Amino acid sequence: MNEPQGSELRLLETALYLDDVGLAARFYRDLFGFRLLTGNTERDAIFAALEVPGQGVLLLFKKGANAQPVDTG
């Protein structure tokens, strides 16, 4: 099996767990121009996904928000 060369290695997704998802989403959008794919930039946001142009996706999660079980019906 051939090992990938340095230029072939990519980080497709990066996840950060934060106290204020909206603030972080606005920061990355405004400073770096990352486009919001899904989620929102409001103060009460629990999730946001931003496109890192040509690189991958930056996932932002509210710290502790996924600690509660989700009712699936």
Protein backbone atom coordinates (compact mmCIF):
# COMPACT_ATOMS: atom_id res chain seq x y z
CA MET A 1 0.00 0.00 0.00
CA ASN A 2 1.37 3.40 -0.97
CA GLU A 3 1.65 6.04 1.73
CA PRO A 4 0.02 9.34 0.77
CA GLN A 5 2.38 12.20 0.05
CA GLY A 6 2.29 15.30 2.26
CA SER A 7 0.31 17.27 -0.31
CA GLU A 8 -2.36 14.51 -0.39
CA LEU A 9 -3.07 14.58 3.35
CA ARG A 10 -6.15 16.59 4.28
CA LEU A 11 -8.14 17.34 7.36
CA LEU A 12 -11.76 17.16 6.22
CA GLU A 13 -13.58 17.95 9.45
CA THR A 14 -12.58 19.73 12.61
CA ALA A 15 -14.93 19.85 15.61
CA LEU A 16 -14.80 22.39 18.41
CA TYR A 17 -16.91 22.29 21.57
CA LEU A 18 -17.64 25.81 22.81
CA ASP A 19 -19.65 27.78 25.35
CA ASP A 20 -20.90 30.24 22.68
CA VAL A 21 -21.36 28.62 19.26
CA GLY A 22 -22.94 31.73 17.75
CA LEU A 23 -20.03 33.95 18.71
CA ALA A 24 -17.50 31.47 17.31
CA ALA A 25 -19.49 31.04 14.09
CA ARG A 26 -19.61 34.82 13.61
CA PHE A 27 -15.88 35.06 14.35
CA TYR A 28 -14.89 32.48 11.73
CA ARG A 29 -17.41 33.85 9.21
CA ASP A 30 -16.40 37.49 9.63
CA LEU A 31 -12.64 37.09 10.04
CA PHE A 32 -11.93 34.25 7.60
CA GLY A 33 -14.98 34.40 5.33
CA PHE A 34 -16.10 30.83 6.14
CA ARG A 35 -19.61 30.28 4.76
CA LEU A 36 -22.28 28.97 7.12
CA LEU A 37 -23.50 25.62 5.76
CA THR A 38 -26.03 24.80 8.47
CA GLY A 39 -26.91 25.84 11.99
CA ASN A 40 -27.02 29.48 13.01
CA THR A 41 -24.99 32.32 14.46
CA GLU A 42 -27.41 33.37 17.20
CA ARG A 43 -26.35 33.46 20.84
CA ASP A 44 -28.42 30.37 21.68
CA ALA A 45 -27.02 28.28 18.80
CA ILE A 46 -26.10 24.71 19.70
CA PHE A 47 -24.52 23.75 16.37
CA ALA A 48 -23.00 25.36 13.30
CA ALA A 49 -21.10 23.97 10.33
CA LEU A 50 -18.90 26.29 8.31
CA GLU A 51 -17.19 25.63 5.00
CA VAL A 52 -13.43 26.02 5.07
CA PRO A 53 -12.95 26.88 1.37
CA GLY A 54 -11.18 24.11 -0.50
CA GLN A 55 -10.28 22.34 2.74
CA GLY A 56 -13.23 20.87 4.62
CA VAL A 57 -15.77 21.72 7.29
CA LEU A 58 -15.47 23.35 10.69
CA LEU A 59 -18.07 21.93 13.09
CA LEU A 60 -19.00 23.95 16.16
CA PHE A 61 -20.96 22.33 19.00
CA LYS A 62 -22.33 23.82 22.21
CA LYS A 63 -20.37 22.30 25.08
CA GLY A 64 -22.63 19.92 27.01
CA ALA A 65 -25.63 20.31 24.68
CA ASN A 66 -25.47 16.70 23.54
CA ALA A 67 -25.49 15.35 27.10
CA GLN A 68 -29.29 15.03 27.02
CA PRO A 69 -30.87 12.06 25.20
CA VAL A 70 -32.74 12.87 22.03
CA ASP A 71 -36.34 11.66 21.81
CA THR A 72 -36.69 9.83 18.50
CA GLY A 73 -40.38 9.14 18.81
